[in-house]
Amino acid sequence: MGTTVLSLRIDHELLERLRHQAAKRGMSVQDYVVRTLIRDDFDQRFQAAVEETERFYGSPDPGDEDQDQVRPSAGIR
């Protein structure tokens, strides 16, 4: 996989917050930002997959007697 340069102009306060968060994890700011973007991308793709699954199988009815079943989107923000 190749790489591409992405240059950002960000507020000084935001950069300081990113530095602080990255330092807490022992990471560079670049690695922290990339990891955050990857995680957000995964969350969006996962949410889309859950929504597609619910469309395919149908959303459970609130009065459904089968309480052992968990909705695919349970716990997703």
N, C-alpha and C. Protein backbone atom coordinates (compact mmCIF):
# COMPACT_ATOMS: atom_id res chain seq x y z
N MET A 1 0.85 -1.17 0.00
CA MET A 1 0.00 0.00 0.00
C MET A 1 0.89 1.23 0.00
N GLY A 2 0.61 2.17 -0.86
CA GLY A 2 1.37 3.40 -0.94
C GLY A 2 0.88 4.42 0.06
N THR A 3 1.65 5.45 0.22
CA THR A 3 1.26 6.52 1.14
C THR A 3 1.16 7.83 0.38
N THR A 4 0.40 8.74 0.92
CA THR A 4 0.21 10.07 0.37
C THR A 4 0.32 11.07 1.51
N VAL A 5 0.84 12.23 1.21
CA VAL A 5 1.00 13.27 2.22
C VAL A 5 -0.30 14.06 2.32
N LEU A 6 -0.73 14.30 3.56
CA LEU A 6 -1.88 15.15 3.84
C LEU A 6 -1.41 16.23 4.79
N SER A 7 -1.51 17.46 4.35
CA SER A 7 -1.07 18.59 5.17
C SER A 7 -2.30 19.28 5.74
N LEU A 8 -2.25 19.57 7.04
CA LEU A 8 -3.38 20.21 7.70
C LEU A 8 -2.95 21.51 8.38
N ARG A 9 -3.82 22.47 8.37
CA ARG A 9 -3.61 23.69 9.14
C ARG A 9 -4.64 23.63 10.26
N ILE A 10 -4.16 23.54 11.52
CA ILE A 10 -5.08 23.42 12.64
C ILE A 10 -4.74 24.45 13.71
N ASP A 11 -5.71 24.72 14.52
CA ASP A 11 -5.59 25.66 15.62
C ASP A 11 -4.53 25.18 16.62
N HIS A 12 -3.80 26.10 17.20
CA HIS A 12 -2.74 25.76 18.16
C HIS A 12 -3.29 24.97 19.35
N GLU A 13 -4.45 25.37 19.87
CA GLU A 13 -5.03 24.67 21.02
C GLU A 13 -5.39 23.23 20.67
N LEU A 14 -5.90 23.02 19.47
CA LEU A 14 -6.22 21.65 19.03
C LEU A 14 -4.95 20.82 18.92
N LEU A 15 -3.91 21.40 18.35
CA LEU A 15 -2.64 20.68 18.24
C LEU A 15 -2.10 20.30 19.62
N GLU A 16 -2.21 21.19 20.57
CA GLU A 16 -1.74 20.89 21.92
C GLU A 16 -2.54 19.75 22.54
N ARG A 17 -3.86 19.76 22.33
CA ARG A 17 -4.69 18.66 22.84
C ARG A 17 -4.31 17.35 22.18
N LEU A 18 -4.06 17.38 20.86
CA LEU A 18 -3.64 16.17 20.15
C LEU A 18 -2.28 15.69 20.67
N ARG A 19 -1.36 16.61 20.90
CA ARG A 19 -0.05 16.22 21.45
C ARG A 19 -0.21 15.56 22.80
N HIS A 20 -1.08 16.13 23.63
CA HIS A 20 -1.30 15.59 24.97
C HIS A 20 -1.90 14.18 24.89
N GLN A 21 -2.92 14.00 24.06
CA GLN A 21 -3.56 12.69 23.91
C GLN A 21 -2.58 11.66 23.34
N ALA A 22 -1.79 12.08 22.36
CA ALA A 22 -0.81 11.17 21.76
C ALA A 22 0.26 10.78 22.78
N ALA A 23 0.73 11.75 23.56
CA ALA A 23 1.76 11.48 24.55
C ALA A 23 1.26 10.50 25.61
N LYS A 24 -0.01 10.63 26.00
CA LYS A 24 -0.58 9.70 26.99
C LYS A 24 -0.53 8.26 26.49
N ARG A 25 -0.57 8.10 25.18
CA ARG A 25 -0.56 6.76 24.58
C ARG A 25 0.83 6.36 24.06
N GLY A 26 1.81 7.25 24.26
CA GLY A 26 3.15 6.96 23.79
C GLY A 26 3.26 6.97 22.28
N MET A 27 2.49 7.83 21.64
CA MET A 27 2.44 7.87 20.18
C MET A 27 2.86 9.25 19.68
N SER A 28 3.21 9.31 18.41
CA SER A 28 3.40 10.61 17.77
C SER A 28 2.03 11.18 17.44
N VAL A 29 1.97 12.48 17.22
CA VAL A 29 0.70 13.10 16.84
C VAL A 29 0.20 12.50 15.52
N GLN A 30 1.12 12.30 14.60
CA GLN A 30 0.74 11.73 13.30
C GLN A 30 0.11 10.35 13.48
N ASP A 31 0.75 9.49 14.26
CA ASP A 31 0.20 8.15 14.49
C ASP A 31 -1.14 8.21 15.20
N TYR A 32 -1.27 9.11 16.17
CA TYR A 32 -2.52 9.24 16.91
C TYR A 32 -3.65 9.68 15.98
N VAL A 33 -3.39 10.66 15.13
CA VAL A 33 -4.43 11.16 14.21
C VAL A 33 -4.82 10.07 13.21
N VAL A 34 -3.83 9.38 12.66
CA VAL A 34 -4.12 8.31 11.69
C VAL A 34 -4.93 7.21 12.35
N ARG A 35 -4.54 6.79 13.56
CA ARG A 35 -5.28 5.74 14.26
C ARG A 35 -6.72 6.19 14.55
N THR A 36 -6.88 7.45 14.93
CA THR A 36 -8.23 7.98 15.20
C THR A 36 -9.08 7.96 13.94
N LEU A 37 -8.50 8.36 12.83
CA LEU A 37 -9.23 8.34 11.56
C LEU A 37 -9.59 6.92 11.14
N ILE A 38 -8.67 5.98 11.33
CA ILE A 38 -8.95 4.59 10.99
C ILE A 38 -10.08 4.05 11.85
N ARG A 39 -10.04 4.35 13.14
CA ARG A 39 -11.09 3.87 14.05
C ARG A 39 -12.45 4.47 13.66
N ASP A 40 -12.48 5.77 13.34
CA ASP A 40 -13.73 6.40 12.94
C ASP A 40 -14.26 5.79 11.65
N ASP A 41 -13.35 5.52 10.70
CA ASP A 41 -13.76 4.90 9.45
C ASP A 41 -14.35 3.52 9.70
N PHE A 42 -13.70 2.74 10.58
CA PHE A 42 -14.22 1.41 10.92
C PHE A 42 -15.60 1.53 11.56
N ASP A 43 -15.76 2.47 12.50
CA ASP A 43 -17.05 2.65 13.17
C ASP A 43 -18.15 2.96 12.16
N GLN A 44 -17.85 3.82 11.18
CA GLN A 44 -18.85 4.16 10.17
C GLN A 44 -19.20 2.96 9.30
N ARG A 45 -18.18 2.19 8.89
CA ARG A 45 -18.44 1.01 8.06
C ARG A 45 -19.20 -0.05 8.85
N PHE A 46 -18.86 -0.21 10.14
CA PHE A 46 -19.55 -1.18 10.98
C PHE A 46 -21.01 -0.78 11.15
N GLN A 47 -21.26 0.49 11.42
CA GLN A 47 -22.64 0.98 11.58
C GLN A 47 -23.44 0.75 10.30
N ALA A 48 -22.82 1.01 9.15
CA ALA A 48 -23.51 0.77 7.87
C ALA A 48 -23.84 -0.71 7.70
N ALA A 49 -22.93 -1.58 8.11
CA ALA A 49 -23.18 -3.03 8.01
C ALA A 49 -24.31 -3.44 8.93
N VAL A 50 -24.36 -2.87 10.14
CA VAL A 50 -25.44 -3.18 11.08
C VAL A 50 -26.77 -2.72 10.52
N GLU A 51 -26.80 -1.51 9.97
CA GLU A 51 -28.05 -1.00 9.40
C GLU A 51 -28.51 -1.87 8.23
N GLU A 52 -27.57 -2.32 7.40
CA GLU A 52 -27.92 -3.19 6.28
C GLU A 52 -28.47 -4.52 6.80
N THR A 53 -27.85 -5.06 7.85
CA THR A 53 -28.33 -6.31 8.45
C THR A 53 -29.74 -6.14 9.00
N GLU A 54 -29.99 -5.02 9.68
CA GLU A 54 -31.33 -4.77 10.22
C GLU A 54 -32.35 -4.59 9.11
N ARG A 55 -31.94 -3.98 7.98
CA ARG A 55 -32.86 -3.86 6.84
C ARG A 55 -33.17 -5.24 6.27
N PHE A 56 -32.16 -6.08 6.19
CA PHE A 56 -32.33 -7.42 5.62
C PHE A 56 -33.21 -8.30 6.51
N TYR A 57 -32.91 -8.32 7.81
CA TYR A 57 -33.63 -9.19 8.73
C TYR A 57 -34.83 -8.51 9.38
N GLY A 58 -34.89 -7.20 9.28
CA GLY A 58 -35.96 -6.45 9.92
C GLY A 58 -35.59 -6.10 11.35
N SER A 59 -35.99 -4.94 11.78
CA SER A 59 -35.73 -4.52 13.16
C SER A 59 -36.66 -5.28 14.09
N PRO A 60 -36.18 -5.66 15.26
CA PRO A 60 -37.03 -6.38 16.21
C PRO A 60 -38.14 -5.48 16.74
N ASP A 61 -39.29 -6.08 16.99
CA ASP A 61 -40.42 -5.33 17.54
C ASP A 61 -40.18 -5.14 19.04
N PRO A 62 -40.56 -3.96 19.59
CA PRO A 62 -40.37 -3.73 21.02
C PRO A 62 -41.12 -4.73 21.89
N GLY A 63 -42.26 -5.26 21.43
CA GLY A 63 -43.05 -6.20 22.22
C GLY A 63 -42.70 -7.64 21.93
N ASP A 64 -41.59 -7.89 21.28
CA ASP A 64 -41.17 -9.25 20.92
C ASP A 64 -40.92 -10.07 22.18
N GLU A 65 -41.45 -11.32 22.21
CA GLU A 65 -41.30 -12.16 23.39
C GLU A 65 -39.90 -12.73 23.54
N ASP A 66 -39.14 -12.84 22.46
CA ASP A 66 -37.83 -13.48 22.52
C ASP A 66 -36.79 -12.47 23.03
N GLN A 67 -36.64 -12.40 24.34
CA GLN A 67 -35.74 -11.44 24.96
C GLN A 67 -34.28 -11.92 24.94
N ASP A 68 -34.03 -13.15 24.49
CA ASP A 68 -32.66 -13.66 24.43
C ASP A 68 -31.90 -13.08 23.23
N GLN A 69 -32.63 -12.54 22.28
CA GLN A 69 -31.99 -11.99 21.09
C GLN A 69 -31.55 -10.55 21.35
N VAL A 70 -30.39 -10.20 20.83
CA VAL A 70 -29.85 -8.85 20.96
C VAL A 70 -29.83 -8.22 19.58
N ARG A 71 -30.27 -6.97 19.49
CA ARG A 71 -30.25 -6.26 18.22
C ARG A 71 -28.80 -6.12 17.75
N PRO A 72 -28.55 -6.20 16.44
CA PRO A 72 -27.19 -6.02 15.93
C PRO A 72 -26.60 -4.66 16.32
N SER A 73 -27.43 -3.64 16.48
CA SER A 73 -26.92 -2.31 16.78
C SER A 73 -26.82 -2.03 18.28
N ALA A 74 -27.05 -3.03 19.11
CA ALA A 74 -26.99 -2.83 20.56
C ALA A 74 -25.60 -2.34 20.97
N GLY A 75 -25.55 -1.25 21.69
CA GLY A 75 -24.28 -0.73 22.18
C GLY A 75 -23.55 0.18 21.21
N ILE A 76 -24.09 0.41 20.03
CA ILE A 76 -23.43 1.28 19.05
C ILE A 76 -23.99 2.68 19.20
N ARG A 77 -23.10 3.63 19.29
CA ARG A 77 -23.52 5.03 19.42
C ARG A 77 -23.79 5.62 18.08
